[in-house]
Amino acid sequence: SKKKGLSFEEKRARMMEIFFETKDVFQLKDIEKIAPKEKGITSMSVKEILQSLVDDGMVDTDRIGTSNYFWAFPSKALHARKRKLEELESQVAESSQKKEALQKSIEKSKIGREDTAERAALTQELAALRQKKEQLKAEIEKYKECDPDVVEEMRQTNKVAKEAANRWTENIFSIKSWAKRKFGFEESRIDKSFGIPEDLDYID
């Protein structure tokens, strides 16, 4: 079967072994030779892996002259791990405190909400009152037209409509009068031609 390649983390761990086992300082070209040969890290990924370790502060680097040098000592890695462990322990402690506070809050909120017969009866009564409220709202809606404000609004709307209707009636009478004078048409002929009702009149 085909041999499975190393994961990114496995490559990082193996590269750290190069530094810890030798306790030496290297240039990039040195690591590019050692890593594939001794640790099975492909030469193409050496630079990327090394840079990730530098970015995480696990490997130190410095430029001397025209060359970059890399090194990492076990003591520094140990201190870094201890710091990380302390951070994680602090986060765990903080999370535990939050969990405890939330638990207390939940327990407190349950007080007075126990499933007793009295609470069940009150819940049922509340549901009935809510239903009654909806029925009353529907009833009020039915008699909305009796509301004085609604009646007044309808009265004003009717007034405006009546004035508009009478204004158009006046216009029609004026046009009929003008047509009779201008062309000598009979009123019945004008009414028939334009579909004007014979009993057209102003609205009282």
Protein backbone atom coordinates (compact mmCIF):
# COMPACT_ATOMS: atom_id res chain seq x y z
CA SER A 1 0.00 0.00 0.00
CA LYS A 2 1.02 3.58 -0.65
CA LYS A 3 2.80 5.19 2.32
CA LYS A 4 0.76 7.97 3.89
CA GLY A 5 2.45 11.40 3.93
CA LEU A 6 3.18 13.31 7.13
CA SER A 7 0.63 15.81 8.39
CA PHE A 8 1.56 19.47 8.90
CA GLU A 9 1.79 19.02 12.70
CA GLU A 10 3.90 15.87 12.34
CA LYS A 11 6.34 17.77 10.13
CA ARG A 12 6.55 20.57 12.71
CA ALA A 13 7.25 18.08 15.50
CA ARG A 14 9.96 16.31 13.50
CA MET A 15 11.64 19.60 12.58
CA MET A 16 11.75 20.58 16.24
CA GLU A 17 13.53 17.27 16.89
CA ILE A 18 16.36 18.40 14.58
CA PHE A 19 17.02 21.41 16.82
CA PHE A 20 16.52 19.61 20.16
CA GLU A 21 18.66 16.60 19.29
CA THR A 22 21.59 18.59 17.90
CA LYS A 23 21.28 21.80 19.98
CA ASP A 24 22.92 23.47 16.98
CA VAL A 25 22.38 26.59 14.85
CA PHE A 26 21.44 26.08 11.19
CA GLN A 27 20.99 27.95 7.96
CA LEU A 28 17.94 27.21 5.78
CA LYS A 29 20.05 25.25 3.28
CA ASP A 30 21.31 23.00 6.09
CA ILE A 31 17.78 22.16 7.25
CA GLU A 32 16.68 21.59 3.65
CA LYS A 33 19.33 18.83 3.46
CA ILE A 34 18.78 17.29 6.93
CA ALA A 35 14.96 17.32 7.10
CA PRO A 36 14.23 15.09 4.07
CA LYS A 37 17.09 12.71 4.82
CA GLU A 38 16.64 12.22 8.60
CA LYS A 39 13.00 13.19 9.30
CA GLY A 40 11.15 12.39 6.06
CA ILE A 41 10.06 15.99 5.53
CA THR A 42 9.88 16.87 1.82
CA SER A 43 12.38 19.57 0.85
CA MET A 44 9.61 21.65 -0.79
CA SER A 45 7.76 22.05 2.54
CA VAL A 46 10.83 22.77 4.74
CA LYS A 47 10.67 26.56 4.34
CA GLU A 48 6.93 26.73 5.10
CA ILE A 49 7.23 24.49 8.18
CA LEU A 50 10.22 26.42 9.49
CA GLN A 51 8.45 29.77 9.02
CA SER A 52 5.37 28.51 10.91
CA LEU A 53 7.61 27.53 13.86
CA VAL A 54 9.29 30.96 13.78
CA ASP A 55 5.85 32.68 13.68
CA ASP A 56 4.76 30.69 16.74
CA GLY A 57 7.95 31.65 18.63
CA MET A 58 9.13 28.05 18.84
CA VAL A 59 12.20 28.65 16.68
CA ASP A 60 14.45 31.73 16.95
CA THR A 61 16.04 33.37 13.92
CA ASP A 62 18.56 36.12 13.27
CA ARG A 63 20.31 37.58 10.26
CA ILE A 64 24.10 37.62 10.43
CA GLY A 65 25.75 39.20 7.42
CA THR A 66 23.89 37.92 4.38
CA SER A 67 22.60 34.72 5.96
CA ASN A 68 19.65 33.81 8.21
CA TYR A 69 20.34 31.47 11.10
CA PHE A 70 17.80 29.36 12.99
CA TRP A 71 17.95 27.67 16.40
CA ALA A 72 15.72 26.33 19.16
CA PHE A 73 16.67 25.00 22.60
CA PRO A 74 14.60 22.59 24.74
CA SER A 75 14.63 24.99 27.70
CA LYS A 76 12.81 27.67 25.70
CA ALA A 77 10.27 25.16 24.40
CA LEU A 78 9.65 23.97 27.95
CA HIS A 79 8.98 27.53 29.14
CA ALA A 80 6.67 28.11 26.15
CA ARG A 81 4.72 24.94 26.97
CA LYS A 82 4.47 25.94 30.63
CA ARG A 83 3.10 29.37 29.64
CA LYS A 84 0.59 27.74 27.30
CA LEU A 85 -0.44 25.30 30.01
CA GLU A 86 -0.94 28.17 32.48
CA GLU A 87 -3.07 30.04 29.92
CA LEU A 88 -5.21 26.95 29.30
CA GLU A 89 -5.60 26.31 33.04
CA SER A 90 -6.67 29.93 33.52
CA GLN A 91 -9.24 29.58 30.72
CA VAL A 92 -10.54 26.34 32.25
CA ALA A 93 -10.89 28.01 35.68
CA GLU A 94 -12.71 30.99 34.14
CA SER A 95 -15.06 28.69 32.20
CA SER A 96 -15.78 26.70 35.37
CA GLN A 97 -16.69 29.90 37.23
CA LYS A 98 -19.02 30.97 34.39
CA LYS A 99 -20.63 27.52 34.34
CA GLU A 100 -21.16 27.62 38.11
CA ALA A 101 -22.68 31.12 37.92
CA LEU A 102 -25.01 30.02 35.11
CA GLN A 103 -26.04 26.92 37.06
CA LYS A 104 -26.90 29.09 40.09
CA SER A 105 -28.86 31.45 37.84
CA ILE A 106 -30.82 28.52 36.36
CA GLU A 107 -31.60 27.14 39.81
CA LYS A 108 -32.73 30.60 40.99
CA SER A 109 -34.99 31.04 37.96
CA LYS A 110 -36.70 27.72 38.74
CA ILE A 111 -37.91 28.99 42.14
CA GLY A 112 -41.65 29.59 41.96
CA ARG A 113 -41.93 27.63 38.71
CA GLU A 114 -42.24 24.18 40.24
CA ASP A 115 -44.90 21.97 38.64
CA THR A 116 -47.48 22.24 41.45
CA ALA A 117 -51.26 21.88 41.17
CA GLU A 118 -51.63 25.61 41.95
CA ARG A 119 -49.27 26.59 39.15
CA ALA A 120 -51.08 24.28 36.71
CA ALA A 121 -54.43 25.88 37.66
CA LEU A 122 -53.01 29.39 37.24
CA THR A 123 -51.53 28.48 33.85
CA GLN A 124 -54.91 27.13 32.73
CA GLU A 125 -56.67 30.28 33.96
CA LEU A 126 -54.15 32.48 32.11
CA ALA A 127 -54.78 30.57 28.87
CA ALA A 128 -58.54 31.00 29.31
CA LEU A 129 -58.16 34.74 29.96
CA ARG A 130 -56.00 35.13 26.85
CA GLN A 131 -58.66 33.35 24.78
CA LYS A 132 -61.36 35.61 26.26
CA LYS A 133 -59.26 38.66 25.40
CA GLU A 134 -59.04 37.56 21.73
CA GLN A 135 -62.85 37.03 21.65
CA LEU A 136 -63.45 40.51 23.07
CA LYS A 137 -61.08 42.04 20.53
CA ALA A 138 -63.04 40.36 17.72
CA GLU A 139 -66.32 41.62 19.25
CA ILE A 140 -64.98 45.19 19.48
CA GLU A 141 -63.88 44.99 15.84
CA LYS A 142 -67.47 44.06 14.83
CA TYR A 143 -68.87 47.20 16.50
CA LYS A 144 -66.09 49.46 15.30
CA GLU A 145 -68.53 51.34 13.06
CA CYS A 146 -70.31 52.56 16.20
CA ASP A 147 -67.13 54.25 17.40
CA PRO A 148 -67.74 58.05 17.42
CA ASP A 149 -64.38 58.70 15.77
CA VAL A 150 -65.14 56.20 13.00
CA VAL A 151 -68.64 57.68 12.49
CA GLU A 152 -67.21 61.21 12.26
CA GLU A 153 -64.59 60.04 9.76
CA MET A 154 -67.32 58.45 7.61
CA ARG A 155 -69.37 61.67 7.83
CA GLN A 156 -66.44 63.75 6.61
CA THR A 157 -65.72 61.28 3.78
CA ASN A 158 -69.37 61.41 2.69
CA LYS A 159 -69.32 65.22 2.74
CA VAL A 160 -66.28 65.35 0.47
CA ALA A 161 -67.83 62.77 -1.91
CA LYS A 162 -71.12 64.70 -2.03
CA GLU A 163 -69.35 67.99 -2.82
CA ALA A 164 -67.36 66.30 -5.59
CA ALA A 165 -70.51 64.70 -7.08
CA ASN A 166 -72.36 68.04 -7.11
CA ARG A 167 -69.34 69.74 -8.66
CA TRP A 168 -69.35 67.24 -11.55
CA THR A 169 -73.15 67.58 -11.90
CA GLU A 170 -72.70 71.35 -12.20
CA ASN A 171 -70.02 70.81 -14.89
CA ILE A 172 -72.33 68.50 -16.87
CA PHE A 173 -75.19 71.03 -16.73
CA SER A 174 -72.83 73.77 -17.89
CA ILE A 175 -71.62 71.68 -20.86
CA LYS A 176 -75.23 70.76 -21.81
CA SER A 177 -76.25 74.43 -21.69
CA TRP A 178 -73.26 75.42 -23.84
CA ALA A 179 -74.00 72.66 -26.40
CA LYS A 180 -77.65 73.75 -26.67
CA ARG A 181 -76.63 77.36 -27.30
CA LYS A 182 -73.73 76.56 -29.63
CA PHE A 183 -75.26 73.81 -31.78
CA GLY A 184 -78.99 74.09 -31.06
CA PHE A 185 -79.13 70.49 -29.81
CA GLU A 186 -82.16 69.33 -27.87
CA GLU A 187 -81.47 68.33 -24.27
CA SER A 188 -82.84 64.79 -24.79
CA ARG A 189 -80.47 64.28 -27.75
CA ILE A 190 -77.46 65.40 -25.69
CA ASP A 191 -78.46 63.07 -22.84
CA LYS A 192 -78.85 60.10 -25.21
CA SER A 193 -75.57 60.78 -27.08
CA PHE A 194 -73.47 61.02 -23.90
CA GLY A 195 -75.32 58.49 -21.71
CA ILE A 196 -76.52 61.15 -19.25
CA PRO A 197 -79.46 59.98 -17.08
CA GLU A 198 -82.64 62.05 -17.59
CA ASP A 199 -83.11 62.35 -13.81
CA LEU A 200 -79.55 63.67 -13.17
CA ASP A 201 -79.74 66.19 -10.34
CA TYR A 202 -77.78 67.62 -7.40
CA ILE A 203 -77.44 65.52 -4.23
CA ASP A 204 -79.09 67.07 -1.17
